[in-house]
Amino acid sequence: MPMHPRTPVLVGVAAVQQREDDPTRALEPLELMIRALEAAADDAGCRELLTKADSVRAPRGFWDYPDPCRQIAVRFGAANVHTLVAELGILQTTLFGDAARDIAGGRADIVLLTGGEAKYRALRSQITGVQAGLTKVAGEPDVVQRPTGEILSAREINSGLAMPVNQYAMMENALRGAEGQTLDAHRREVAALWAGMSRVAAGNPDAWNREGLAEDAIREPVGKNRMLAFPYTKLHNSQWNVDQAAGLILCSAETAERLGIDRDRWVLPLAVADSNLMIPMTERALPHRSFGFSMPVAASSRASAPTSRTSTTSNSTVAFRSPCARRCASWASTLRAR
């Protein structure tokens, strides 16, 4: 069966990182995002995707650029570009699904998705006392996506539950209690899960920390590995002092054909299901259960074929059909490093 010309296709993905101790030489987040998209275009084998893009979209980071997407478009020489910034609380997969939907509906043809941070650069600036500022350019994006509900309640903020580690620790312990696990058995199980992820990172050239960590090293609060919120030590937690960016490029099938992009590079997103049901953790009937997680999993399973690969991230799932689906799910989940 011939493919519909408006079929959305993911044609390029890439991730970049820098490890520069001199903050005056380190690139700012905007430059990292530009490099990630350039690498994604190279992954597709077509830099023309950048100059002909008609939409650039990014999730909000720790940076204060009002419209980084416009600056990215200017750098690439792309004219008449529609820009979008998604504020904290909008799921990463919402950007992915909306891009595919807009391409299928003829509202966009080539969409550049990117996200990046330079927190390590900022940390080195603080340590050395050397200023490392960000590019200041006025302007607002065409669209700003904002969540419609509260992620945190005022009661949680006032009670010291604003930091994710504290909330996740409460959910973790509620889950342990519901499953009838002992404290020691649960700590061992959690540490084993994290050690497995550490082994994956050790083999991933795009990982910030490629040191494979043993279960005991993660589990026990020894030395610098202090306890943050039981059962989570420092090594259980993600590291936000990183300089990393990711880039994804989607376009219509007819454009991919016209630009001569090899079909071996095509990845077809079959379904994206998001849930924006936001109930603050302390207001849930069961703190370790979230309807916002179960609904998109069921929806994407119904919408995607049995041959697809499904990646679940937060309150969302995205299904792909392609031999390289796993790498694409990985890039989709790194758009915002939280």
C-alpha atoms as a PDB file:
ATOM      1  CA  MET A   1       0.000   0.000   0.000  1.00  0.00           C
ATOM      2  CA  PRO A   2       1.495   3.398  -0.956  1.00  0.00           C
ATOM      3  CA  MET A   3       2.282   5.755   1.907  1.00  0.00           C
ATOM      4  CA  HIS A   4       0.167   8.890   2.265  1.00  0.00           C
ATOM      5  CA  PRO A   5       2.295  11.946   1.337  1.00  0.00           C
ATOM      6  CA  ARG A   6       1.422  13.702   4.631  1.00  0.00           C
ATOM      7  CA  THR A   7       2.606  10.794   6.759  1.00  0.00           C
ATOM      8  CA  PRO A   8       4.880  12.209   9.491  1.00  0.00           C
ATOM      9  CA  VAL A   9       8.374  10.729   9.481  1.00  0.00           C
ATOM     10  CA  LEU A  10      11.199  11.101  11.970  1.00  0.00           C
ATOM     11  CA  VAL A  11      14.285  11.352   9.777  1.00  0.00           C
ATOM     12  CA  GLY A  12      17.084  12.634  12.030  1.00  0.00           C
ATOM     13  CA  VAL A  13      18.059  12.356  15.682  1.00  0.00           C
ATOM     14  CA  ALA A  14      21.165  13.411  17.583  1.00  0.00           C
ATOM     15  CA  ALA A  15      22.544  14.301  20.995  1.00  0.00           C
ATOM     16  CA  VAL A  16      25.553  16.446  21.839  1.00  0.00           C
ATOM     17  CA  GLN A  17      27.410  17.239  25.025  1.00  0.00           C
ATOM     18  CA  GLN A  18      30.436  19.220  26.115  1.00  0.00           C
ATOM     19  CA  ARG A  19      32.841  18.871  29.050  1.00  0.00           C
ATOM     20  CA  GLU A  20      34.606  22.197  29.169  1.00  0.00           C
ATOM     21  CA  ASP A  21      35.886  23.415  32.548  1.00  0.00           C
ATOM     22  CA  ASP A  22      36.584  26.931  31.265  1.00  0.00           C
ATOM     23  CA  PRO A  23      33.193  28.692  31.224  1.00  0.00           C
ATOM     24  CA  THR A  24      34.496  31.307  28.764  1.00  0.00           C
ATOM     25  CA  ARG A  25      35.113  28.556  26.203  1.00  0.00           C
ATOM     26  CA  ALA A  26      32.029  26.456  26.939  1.00  0.00           C
ATOM     27  CA  LEU A  27      29.018  26.837  24.650  1.00  0.00           C
ATOM     28  CA  GLU A  28      25.766  28.217  26.011  1.00  0.00           C
ATOM     29  CA  PRO A  29      22.507  26.196  25.731  1.00  0.00           C
ATOM     30  CA  LEU A  30      21.437  27.937  22.514  1.00  0.00           C
ATOM     31  CA  GLU A  31      24.638  26.883  20.751  1.00  0.00           C
ATOM     32  CA  LEU A  32      24.311  23.325  22.042  1.00  0.00           C
ATOM     33  CA  MET A  33      20.772  23.095  20.653  1.00  0.00           C
ATOM     34  CA  ILE A  34      21.973  24.414  17.298  1.00  0.00           C
ATOM     35  CA  ARG A  35      24.725  21.809  17.182  1.00  0.00           C
ATOM     36  CA  ALA A  36      22.275  19.053  18.127  1.00  0.00           C
ATOM     37  CA  LEU A  37      19.974  19.967  15.249  1.00  0.00           C
ATOM     38  CA  GLU A  38      22.909  20.188  12.845  1.00  0.00           C
ATOM     39  CA  ALA A  39      23.940  16.698  13.942  1.00  0.00           C
ATOM     40  CA  ALA A  40      20.349  15.486  13.493  1.00  0.00           C
ATOM     41  CA  ALA A  41      20.342  16.855   9.943  1.00  0.00           C
ATOM     42  CA  ASP A  42      23.626  15.056   9.308  1.00  0.00           C
ATOM     43  CA  ASP A  43      22.027  11.896  10.716  1.00  0.00           C
ATOM     44  CA  ALA A  44      19.348  12.301   8.046  1.00  0.00           C
ATOM     45  CA  GLY A  45      22.011  13.088   5.454  1.00  0.00           C
ATOM     46  CA  CYS A  46      20.374  16.393   4.517  1.00  0.00           C
ATOM     47  CA  ARG A  47      21.288  19.865   5.838  1.00  0.00           C
ATOM     48  CA  GLU A  48      18.521  21.286   3.641  1.00  0.00           C
ATOM     49  CA  LEU A  49      16.094  20.184   6.360  1.00  0.00           C
ATOM     50  CA  LEU A  50      17.417  23.057   8.485  1.00  0.00           C
ATOM     51  CA  THR A  51      17.124  25.821   5.906  1.00  0.00           C
ATOM     52  CA  LYS A  52      13.643  24.727   4.796  1.00  0.00           C
ATOM     53  CA  ALA A  53      12.194  24.175   8.272  1.00  0.00           C
ATOM     54  CA  ASP A  54       8.868  25.910   8.893  1.00  0.00           C
ATOM     55  CA  SER A  55       8.576  25.194  12.630  1.00  0.00           C
ATOM     56  CA  VAL A  56      11.074  25.123  15.521  1.00  0.00           C
ATOM     57  CA  ARG A  57       9.936  23.949  18.956  1.00  0.00           C
ATOM     58  CA  ALA A  58      11.607  23.504  22.339  1.00  0.00           C
ATOM     59  CA  PRO A  59      10.708  22.767  25.974  1.00  0.00           C
ATOM     60  CA  ARG A  60      11.642  25.421  28.519  1.00  0.00           C
ATOM     61  CA  GLY A  61      14.993  24.915  30.242  1.00  0.00           C
ATOM     62  CA  PHE A  62      16.838  26.700  33.025  1.00  0.00           C
ATOM     63  CA  TRP A  63      17.858  29.354  30.498  1.00  0.00           C
ATOM     64  CA  ASP A  64      15.976  32.624  30.148  1.00  0.00           C
ATOM     65  CA  TYR A  65      15.893  33.014  26.368  1.00  0.00           C
ATOM     66  CA  PRO A  66      12.453  34.403  25.468  1.00  0.00           C
ATOM     67  CA  ASP A  67      12.435  32.681  22.047  1.00  0.00           C
ATOM     68  CA  PRO A  68      15.482  30.491  21.388  1.00  0.00           C
ATOM     69  CA  CYS A  69      13.666  28.833  18.500  1.00  0.00           C
ATOM     70  CA  ARG A  70      13.663  32.094  16.538  1.00  0.00           C
ATOM     71  CA  GLN A  71      17.411  32.433  16.995  1.00  0.00           C
ATOM     72  CA  ILE A  72      17.889  28.858  15.829  1.00  0.00           C
ATOM     73  CA  ALA A  73      15.840  29.568  12.688  1.00  0.00           C
ATOM     74  CA  VAL A  74      17.841  32.745  12.000  1.00  0.00           C
ATOM     75  CA  ARG A  75      21.095  30.828  12.340  1.00  0.00           C
ATOM     76  CA  PHE A  76      19.931  28.262   9.802  1.00  0.00           C
ATOM     77  CA  GLY A  77      18.566  30.871   7.413  1.00  0.00           C
ATOM     78  CA  ALA A  78      15.049  29.458   7.646  1.00  0.00           C
ATOM     79  CA  ALA A  79      12.414  32.046   6.744  1.00  0.00           C
ATOM     80  CA  ASN A  80       8.780  32.364   7.892  1.00  0.00           C
ATOM     81  CA  VAL A  81       9.310  29.928  10.755  1.00  0.00           C
ATOM     82  CA  HIS A  82       6.651  29.297  13.393  1.00  0.00           C
ATOM     83  CA  THR A  83       8.195  29.048  16.884  1.00  0.00           C
ATOM     84  CA  LEU A  84       6.917  27.372  20.044  1.00  0.00           C
ATOM     85  CA  VAL A  85       8.221  27.090  23.607  1.00  0.00           C
ATOM     86  CA  ALA A  86       6.622  24.602  26.018  1.00  0.00           C
ATOM     87  CA  GLU A  87       6.772  25.619  29.661  1.00  0.00           C
ATOM     88  CA  LEU A  88       7.593  23.284  32.532  1.00  0.00           C
ATOM     89  CA  GLY A  89       4.678  20.913  33.036  1.00  0.00           C
ATOM     90  CA  ILE A  90       4.125  20.220  29.326  1.00  0.00           C
ATOM     91  CA  LEU A  91       5.229  16.684  28.554  1.00  0.00           C
ATOM     92  CA  GLN A  92       8.121  16.178  26.163  1.00  0.00           C
ATOM     93  CA  THR A  93       6.022  13.792  24.104  1.00  0.00           C
ATOM     94  CA  THR A  94       3.388  16.499  23.672  1.00  0.00           C
ATOM     95  CA  LEU A  95       5.854  18.341  21.434  1.00  0.00           C
ATOM     96  CA  PHE A  96       6.551  15.125  19.560  1.00  0.00           C
ATOM     97  CA  GLY A  97       2.895  14.232  19.080  1.00  0.00           C
ATOM     98  CA  ASP A  98       1.842  17.760  18.138  1.00  0.00           C
ATOM     99  CA  ALA A  99       4.608  17.943  15.530  1.00  0.00           C
ATOM    100  CA  ALA A 100       3.477  14.675  13.945  1.00  0.00           C
ATOM    101  CA  ARG A 101      -0.165  15.794  14.071  1.00  0.00           C
ATOM    102  CA  ASP A 102       0.622  19.157  12.465  1.00  0.00           C
ATOM    103  CA  ILE A 103       2.571  17.502   9.658  1.00  0.00           C
ATOM    104  CA  ALA A 104      -0.229  15.013   9.011  1.00  0.00           C
ATOM    105  CA  GLY A 105      -2.757  17.862   8.965  1.00  0.00           C
ATOM    106  CA  GLY A 106      -0.736  20.002   6.561  1.00  0.00           C
ATOM    107  CA  ARG A 107      -0.068  22.735   9.147  1.00  0.00           C
ATOM    108  CA  ALA A 108       3.691  22.096   9.059  1.00  0.00           C
ATOM    109  CA  ASP A 109       6.098  20.300   6.766  1.00  0.00           C
ATOM    110  CA  ILE A 110       9.501  20.239   8.491  1.00  0.00           C
ATOM    111  CA  VAL A 111       9.585  20.523  12.288  1.00  0.00           C
ATOM    112  CA  LEU A 112      12.772  20.898  14.320  1.00  0.00           C
ATOM    113  CA  LEU A 113      12.509  19.777  17.961  1.00  0.00           C
ATOM    114  CA  THR A 114      15.314  20.543  20.374  1.00  0.00           C
ATOM    115  CA  GLY A 115      16.131  20.997  24.021  1.00  0.00           C
ATOM    116  CA  GLY A 116      19.359  21.697  25.868  1.00  0.00           C
ATOM    117  CA  GLU A 117      21.008  22.820  29.073  1.00  0.00           C
ATOM    118  CA  ALA A 118      24.431  24.123  30.104  1.00  0.00           C
ATOM    119  CA  LYS A 119      24.203  23.699  33.869  1.00  0.00           C
ATOM    120  CA  TYR A 120      27.779  22.405  34.089  1.00  0.00           C
ATOM    121  CA  ARG A 121      28.937  25.611  32.399  1.00  0.00           C
ATOM    122  CA  ALA A 122      26.939  27.616  34.953  1.00  0.00           C
ATOM    123  CA  LEU A 123      28.423  25.577  37.800  1.00  0.00           C
ATOM    124  CA  ARG A 124      31.955  26.153  36.556  1.00  0.00           C
ATOM    125  CA  SER A 125      31.161  29.864  36.253  1.00  0.00           C
ATOM    126  CA  GLN A 126      30.059  29.909  39.889  1.00  0.00           C
ATOM    127  CA  ILE A 127      33.122  27.983  41.076  1.00  0.00           C
ATOM    128  CA  THR A 128      35.666  30.030  39.121  1.00  0.00           C
ATOM    129  CA  GLY A 129      33.966  33.385  39.510  1.00  0.00           C
ATOM    130  CA  VAL A 130      34.186  33.872  35.742  1.00  0.00           C
ATOM    131  CA  GLN A 131      30.998  35.189  34.143  1.00  0.00           C
ATOM    132  CA  ALA A 132      29.388  33.044  31.466  1.00  0.00           C
ATOM    133  CA  GLY A 133      26.267  34.799  30.267  1.00  0.00           C
ATOM    134  CA  LEU A 134      23.574  33.958  27.772  1.00  0.00           C
ATOM    135  CA  THR A 135      22.704  35.642  24.499  1.00  0.00           C
ATOM    136  CA  LYS A 136      20.114  38.373  25.045  1.00  0.00           C
ATOM    137  CA  VAL A 137      17.681  38.829  22.188  1.00  0.00           C
ATOM    138  CA  ALA A 138      14.221  40.361  22.518  1.00  0.00           C
ATOM    139  CA  GLY A 139      11.111  38.752  21.135  1.00  0.00           C
ATOM    140  CA  GLU A 140       8.450  36.219  22.037  1.00  0.00           C
ATOM    141  CA  PRO A 141       7.628  32.863  20.449  1.00  0.00           C
ATOM    142  CA  ASP A 142       4.532  32.540  18.311  1.00  0.00           C
ATOM    143  CA  VAL A 143       3.095  30.051  20.793  1.00  0.00           C
ATOM    144  CA  VAL A 144       3.804  29.373  24.470  1.00  0.00           C
ATOM    145  CA  GLN A 145       2.340  26.118  25.775  1.00  0.00           C
ATOM    146  CA  ARG A 146       1.483  26.135  29.479  1.00  0.00           C
ATOM    147  CA  PRO A 147      -0.006  23.440  31.726  1.00  0.00           C
ATOM    148  CA  THR A 148      -3.626  23.916  32.702  1.00  0.00           C
ATOM    149  CA  GLY A 149      -3.322  22.473  36.210  1.00  0.00           C
ATOM    150  CA  GLU A 150      -1.070  22.690  39.256  1.00  0.00           C
ATOM    151  CA  ILE A 151       1.946  20.398  39.335  1.00  0.00           C
ATOM    152  CA  LEU A 152       2.511  21.192  43.011  1.00  0.00           C
ATOM    153  CA  SER A 153       0.001  22.426  45.545  1.00  0.00           C
ATOM    154  CA  ALA A 154       0.744  25.348  47.848  1.00  0.00           C
ATOM    155  CA  ARG A 155       0.537  22.945  50.769  1.00  0.00           C
ATOM    156  CA  GLU A 156       3.276  20.770  49.271  1.00  0.00           C
ATOM    157  CA  ILE A 157       5.525  23.763  48.621  1.00  0.00           C
ATOM    158  CA  ASN A 158       5.027  25.085  52.150  1.00  0.00           C
ATOM    159  CA  SER A 159       5.719  21.617  53.593  1.00  0.00           C
ATOM    160  CA  GLY A 160       9.099  21.260  51.860  1.00  0.00           C
ATOM    161  CA  LEU A 161       7.876  18.882  49.166  1.00  0.00           C
ATOM    162  CA  ALA A 162       8.791  21.039  46.173  1.00  0.00           C
ATOM    163  CA  MET A 163      11.909  19.017  45.351  1.00  0.00           C
ATOM    164  CA  PRO A 164      11.140  15.906  43.256  1.00  0.00           C
ATOM    165  CA  VAL A 165      13.356  13.658  45.386  1.00  0.00           C
ATOM    166  CA  ASN A 166      11.103  14.197  48.406  1.00  0.00           C
ATOM    167  CA  GLN A 167       7.897  13.474  46.515  1.00  0.00           C
ATOM    168  CA  TYR A 168       9.288  10.415  44.751  1.00  0.00           C
ATOM    169  CA  ALA A 169      10.626   9.058  48.038  1.00  0.00           C
ATOM    170  CA  MET A 170       7.134   9.287  49.529  1.00  0.00           C
ATOM    171  CA  MET A 171       5.661   7.492  46.515  1.00  0.00           C
ATOM    172  CA  GLU A 172       8.425   4.889  46.666  1.00  0.00           C
ATOM    173  CA  ASN A 173       7.730   4.122  50.305  1.00  0.00           C
ATOM    174  CA  ALA A 174       3.972   4.017  49.705  1.00  0.00           C
ATOM    175  CA  LEU A 175       4.544   1.483  46.934  1.00  0.00           C
ATOM    176  CA  ARG A 176       6.790  -0.585  49.210  1.00  0.00           C
ATOM    177  CA  GLY A 177       4.104  -0.631  51.877  1.00  0.00           C
ATOM    178  CA  ALA A 178       1.375  -1.581  49.410  1.00  0.00           C
ATOM    179  CA  GLU A 179       3.471  -4.471  48.092  1.00  0.00           C
ATOM    180  CA  GLY A 180       4.359  -5.682  51.582  1.00  0.00           C
ATOM    181  CA  GLN A 181       8.119  -5.439  51.116  1.00  0.00           C
ATOM    182  CA  THR A 182      10.562  -5.093  53.969  1.00  0.00           C
ATOM    183  CA  LEU A 183      12.804  -2.034  54.101  1.00  0.00           C
ATOM    184  CA  ASP A 184      15.920  -4.043  53.245  1.00  0.00           C
ATOM    185  CA  ALA A 185      14.314  -6.001  50.409  1.00  0.00           C
ATOM    186  CA  HIS A 186      12.957  -2.820  48.890  1.00  0.00           C
ATOM    187  CA  ARG A 187      16.298  -1.007  49.125  1.00  0.00           C
ATOM    188  CA  ARG A 188      18.009  -3.933  47.397  1.00  0.00           C
ATOM    189  CA  GLU A 189      15.390  -4.027  44.636  1.00  0.00           C
ATOM    190  CA  VAL A 190      15.620  -0.286  43.971  1.00  0.00           C
ATOM    191  CA  ALA A 191      19.433  -0.356  43.958  1.00  0.00           C
ATOM    192  CA  ALA A 192      19.415  -3.309  41.539  1.00  0.00           C
ATOM    193  CA  LEU A 193      17.138  -1.383  39.157  1.00  0.00           C
ATOM    194  CA  TRP A 194      19.394   1.692  39.277  1.00  0.00           C
ATOM    195  CA  ALA A 195      22.528  -0.431  38.812  1.00  0.00           C
ATOM    196  CA  GLY A 196      20.970  -1.862  35.664  1.00  0.00           C
ATOM    197  CA  MET A 197      20.377   1.624  34.306  1.00  0.00           C
ATOM    198  CA  SER A 198      23.962   2.497  35.238  1.00  0.00           C
ATOM    199  CA  ARG A 199      25.200  -0.420  33.136  1.00  0.00           C
ATOM    200  CA  VAL A 200      23.200   0.876  30.176  1.00  0.00           C
ATOM    201  CA  ALA A 201      24.699   4.348  30.647  1.00  0.00           C
ATOM    202  CA  ALA A 202      28.194   2.880  30.780  1.00  0.00           C
ATOM    203  CA  GLY A 203      27.710   1.607  27.236  1.00  0.00           C
ATOM    204  CA  ASN A 204      26.062   4.768  25.912  1.00  0.00           C
ATOM    205  CA  PRO A 205      28.484   7.279  24.362  1.00  0.00           C
ATOM    206  CA  ASP A 206      25.929  10.056  24.908  1.00  0.00           C
ATOM    207  CA  ALA A 207      25.651   9.477  28.669  1.00  0.00           C
ATOM    208  CA  TRP A 208      27.156  12.121  30.950  1.00  0.00           C
ATOM    209  CA  ASN A 209      28.363   9.570  33.504  1.00  0.00           C
ATOM    210  CA  ARG A 210      29.595   6.330  31.978  1.00  0.00           C
ATOM    211  CA  GLU A 211      30.849   4.826  35.219  1.00  0.00           C
ATOM    212  CA  GLY A 212      29.031   1.555  35.883  1.00  0.00           C
ATOM    213  CA  LEU A 213      27.988   1.538  39.532  1.00  0.00           C
ATOM    214  CA  ALA A 214      27.430  -1.550  41.675  1.00  0.00           C
ATOM    215  CA  GLU A 215      24.254  -2.007  43.697  1.00  0.00           C
ATOM    216  CA  ASP A 216      26.037  -1.528  47.040  1.00  0.00           C
ATOM    217  CA  ALA A 217      27.653   1.711  45.878  1.00  0.00           C
ATOM    218  CA  ILE A 218      24.254   3.137  44.986  1.00  0.00           C
ATOM    219  CA  ARG A 219      22.337   1.799  47.973  1.00  0.00           C
ATOM    220  CA  GLU A 220      24.607   2.650  50.902  1.00  0.00           C
ATOM    221  CA  PRO A 221      24.953   6.280  52.139  1.00  0.00           C
ATOM    222  CA  VAL A 222      28.735   6.270  52.436  1.00  0.00           C
ATOM    223  CA  GLY A 223      31.101   9.198  51.902  1.00  0.00           C
ATOM    224  CA  LYS A 224      29.804  11.650  49.284  1.00  0.00           C
ATOM    225  CA  ASN A 225      26.849   9.382  48.550  1.00  0.00           C
ATOM    226  CA  ARG A 226      24.700  10.923  51.254  1.00  0.00           C
ATOM    227  CA  MET A 227      21.077  10.038  51.891  1.00  0.00           C
ATOM    228  CA  LEU A 228      18.767  12.615  50.298  1.00  0.00           C
ATOM    229  CA  ALA A 229      15.322  11.147  50.989  1.00  0.00           C
ATOM    230  CA  PHE A 230      14.983   7.516  52.083  1.00  0.00           C
ATOM    231  CA  PRO A 231      15.564   5.217  50.274  1.00  0.00           C
ATOM    232  CA  TYR A 232      17.240   7.557  47.755  1.00  0.00           C
ATOM    233  CA  THR A 233      20.915   8.386  48.103  1.00  0.00           C
ATOM    234  CA  LYS A 234      22.645  10.947  45.932  1.00  0.00           C
ATOM    235  CA  LEU A 235      23.503   8.254  43.377  1.00  0.00           C
ATOM    236  CA  HIS A 236      19.822   7.389  42.979  1.00  0.00           C
ATOM    237  CA  ASN A 237      19.201  10.882  41.661  1.00  0.00           C
ATOM    238  CA  SER A 238      19.686  12.368  38.216  1.00  0.00           C
ATOM    239  CA  GLN A 239      22.478  14.880  37.658  1.00  0.00           C
ATOM    240  CA  TRP A 240      21.341  18.227  36.338  1.00  0.00           C
ATOM    241  CA  ASN A 241      24.763  19.857  36.174  1.00  0.00           C
ATOM    242  CA  VAL A 242      25.295  18.693  32.600  1.00  0.00           C
ATOM    243  CA  ASP A 243      25.938  20.402  29.268  1.00  0.00           C
ATOM    244  CA  GLN A 244      23.798  18.418  26.848  1.00  0.00           C
ATOM    245  CA  ALA A 245      21.288  18.919  24.052  1.00  0.00           C
ATOM    246  CA  ALA A 246      19.155  16.756  21.786  1.00  0.00           C
ATOM    247  CA  GLY A 247      17.692  17.369  18.354  1.00  0.00           C
ATOM    248  CA  LEU A 248      14.956  15.620  16.376  1.00  0.00           C
ATOM    249  CA  ILE A 249      13.725  16.394  12.863  1.00  0.00           C
ATOM    250  CA  LEU A 250      10.328  15.350  11.546  1.00  0.00           C
ATOM    251  CA  CYS A 251       8.922  15.983   8.089  1.00  0.00           C
ATOM    252  CA  SER A 252       6.255  14.691   5.745  1.00  0.00           C
ATOM    253  CA  ALA A 253       6.899  11.567   3.710  1.00  0.00           C
ATOM    254  CA  GLU A 254       6.643  13.527   0.470  1.00  0.00           C
ATOM    255  CA  THR A 255       9.297  15.984   1.655  1.00  0.00           C
ATOM    256  CA  ALA A 256      11.567  13.161   2.783  1.00  0.00           C
ATOM    257  CA  GLU A 257      11.215  11.624  -0.671  1.00  0.00           C
ATOM    258  CA  ARG A 258      11.805  14.942  -2.437  1.00  0.00           C
ATOM    259  CA  LEU A 259      14.958  15.631  -0.414  1.00  0.00           C
ATOM    260  CA  GLY A 260      16.280  12.156  -1.160  1.00  0.00           C
ATOM    261  CA  ILE A 261      16.450  10.976   2.445  1.00  0.00           C
ATOM    262  CA  ASP A 262      17.242   7.270   2.542  1.00  0.00           C
ATOM    263  CA  ARG A 263      14.230   5.242   3.664  1.00  0.00           C
ATOM    264  CA  ASP A 264      16.486   3.330   6.026  1.00  0.00           C
ATOM    265  CA  ARG A 265      16.553   6.542   8.099  1.00  0.00           C
ATOM    266  CA  TRP A 266      12.765   6.844   8.278  1.00  0.00           C
ATOM    267  CA  VAL A 267      10.991   6.151  11.562  1.00  0.00           C
ATOM    268  CA  LEU A 268       7.190   6.186  11.589  1.00  0.00           C
ATOM    269  CA  PRO A 269       5.540   7.406  14.806  1.00  0.00           C
ATOM    270  CA  LEU A 270       2.385   5.306  15.089  1.00  0.00           C
ATOM    271  CA  ALA A 271       0.830   6.779  18.202  1.00  0.00           C
ATOM    272  CA  VAL A 272       1.525   9.306  20.923  1.00  0.00           C
ATOM    273  CA  ALA A 273      -0.733   9.341  23.965  1.00  0.00           C
ATOM    274  CA  ASP A 274      -0.432  12.038  26.636  1.00  0.00           C
ATOM    275  CA  SER A 275      -2.263  12.587  29.881  1.00  0.00           C
ATOM    276  CA  ASN A 276      -2.357  16.076  31.333  1.00  0.00           C
ATOM    277  CA  LEU A 277      -4.343  14.909  34.343  1.00  0.00           C
ATOM    278  CA  MET A 278      -2.353  16.570  37.115  1.00  0.00           C
ATOM    279  CA  ILE A 279      -3.349  15.715  40.668  1.00  0.00           C
ATOM    280  CA  PRO A 280      -0.817  16.868  43.275  1.00  0.00           C
ATOM    281  CA  MET A 281       0.717  13.861  44.985  1.00  0.00           C
ATOM    282  CA  THR A 282      -0.693  14.669  48.427  1.00  0.00           C
ATOM    283  CA  GLU A 283      -4.212  14.882  46.975  1.00  0.00           C
ATOM    284  CA  ARG A 284      -4.193  11.426  45.379  1.00  0.00           C
ATOM    285  CA  ALA A 285      -6.336   8.687  46.880  1.00  0.00           C
ATOM    286  CA  LEU A 286      -3.256   6.456  46.757  1.00  0.00           C
ATOM    287  CA  PRO A 287       0.096   8.290  46.634  1.00  0.00           C
ATOM    288  CA  HIS A 288       1.775   5.464  44.682  1.00  0.00           C
ATOM    289  CA  ARG A 289      -0.887   5.334  41.957  1.00  0.00           C
ATOM    290  CA  SER A 290      -1.573   7.838  39.173  1.00  0.00           C
ATOM    291  CA  PHE A 291      -4.387   7.551  36.649  1.00  0.00           C
ATOM    292  CA  GLY A 292      -2.306   9.870  34.489  1.00  0.00           C
ATOM    293  CA  PHE A 293       0.147   7.021  33.954  1.00  0.00           C
ATOM    294  CA  SER A 294      -2.297   4.235  33.162  1.00  0.00           C
ATOM    295  CA  MET A 295      -4.513   6.067  30.660  1.00  0.00           C
ATOM    296  CA  PRO A 296      -1.868   6.905  27.997  1.00  0.00           C
ATOM    297  CA  VAL A 297      -0.377   3.403  28.177  1.00  0.00           C
ATOM    298  CA  ALA A 298      -3.757   1.865  27.406  1.00  0.00           C
ATOM    299  CA  ALA A 299      -4.505   4.419  24.688  1.00  0.00           C
ATOM    300  CA  SER A 300      -1.204   3.958  22.861  1.00  0.00           C
ATOM    301  CA  SER A 301      -1.490   0.180  23.076  1.00  0.00           C
ATOM    302  CA  ARG A 302      -4.865   0.347  21.356  1.00  0.00           C
ATOM    303  CA  ALA A 303      -3.619   2.734  18.669  1.00  0.00           C
ATOM    304  CA  SER A 304      -0.297   1.082  17.782  1.00  0.00           C
ATOM    305  CA  ALA A 305       0.348  -2.125  15.871  1.00  0.00           C
ATOM    306  CA  PRO A 306       1.707  -5.285  17.541  1.00  0.00           C
ATOM    307  CA  THR A 307       4.987  -4.820  15.652  1.00  0.00           C
ATOM    308  CA  SER A 308       5.704  -1.444  17.230  1.00  0.00           C
ATOM    309  CA  ARG A 309       8.086  -0.589  20.046  1.00  0.00           C
ATOM    310  CA  THR A 310       6.582   1.463  22.868  1.00  0.00           C
ATOM    311  CA  SER A 311       8.470   3.850  25.136  1.00  0.00           C
ATOM    312  CA  THR A 312       6.801   5.089  28.328  1.00  0.00           C
ATOM    313  CA  THR A 313       8.000   8.377  29.846  1.00  0.00           C
ATOM    314  CA  SER A 314       6.183  10.146  32.674  1.00  0.00           C
ATOM    315  CA  ASN A 315       2.445  10.550  31.900  1.00  0.00           C
ATOM    316  CA  SER A 316       2.912   9.690  28.236  1.00  0.00           C
ATOM    317  CA  THR A 317       3.776   6.952  25.777  1.00  0.00           C
ATOM    318  CA  VAL A 318       5.045   7.032  22.234  1.00  0.00           C
ATOM    319  CA  ALA A 319       5.015   4.095  19.825  1.00  0.00           C
ATOM    320  CA  PHE A 320       7.317   3.698  16.832  1.00  0.00           C
ATOM    321  CA  ARG A 321       7.583   1.214  13.987  1.00  0.00           C
ATOM    322  CA  SER A 322      11.152   0.901  12.807  1.00  0.00           C
ATOM    323  CA  PRO A 323      14.260  -1.255  13.341  1.00  0.00           C
ATOM    324  CA  CYS A 324      15.848   1.782  15.018  1.00  0.00           C
ATOM    325  CA  ALA A 325      12.854   2.541  17.249  1.00  0.00           C
ATOM    326  CA  ARG A 326      14.810   2.169  20.468  1.00  0.00           C
ATOM    327  CA  ARG A 327      17.277   4.920  19.633  1.00  0.00           C
ATOM    328  CA  CYS A 328      14.457   7.261  18.645  1.00  0.00           C
ATOM    329  CA  ALA A 329      12.602   6.641  21.898  1.00  0.00           C
ATOM    330  CA  SER A 330      15.846   7.429  23.696  1.00  0.00           C
ATOM    331  CA  TRP A 331      16.243  10.803  21.975  1.00  0.00           C
ATOM    332  CA  ALA A 332      12.593  11.656  22.544  1.00  0.00           C
ATOM    333  CA  SER A 333      13.007  11.118  26.279  1.00  0.00           C
ATOM    334  CA  THR A 334      16.118  13.312  26.487  1.00  0.00           C
ATOM    335  CA  LEU A 335      14.563  16.468  25.053  1.00  0.00           C
ATOM    336  CA  ARG A 336      14.280  17.791  28.568  1.00  0.00           C
ATOM    337  CA  ALA A 337      16.705  16.402  31.142  1.00  0.00           C
ATOM    338  CA  ARG A 338      14.772  16.479  34.381  1.00  0.00           C
END
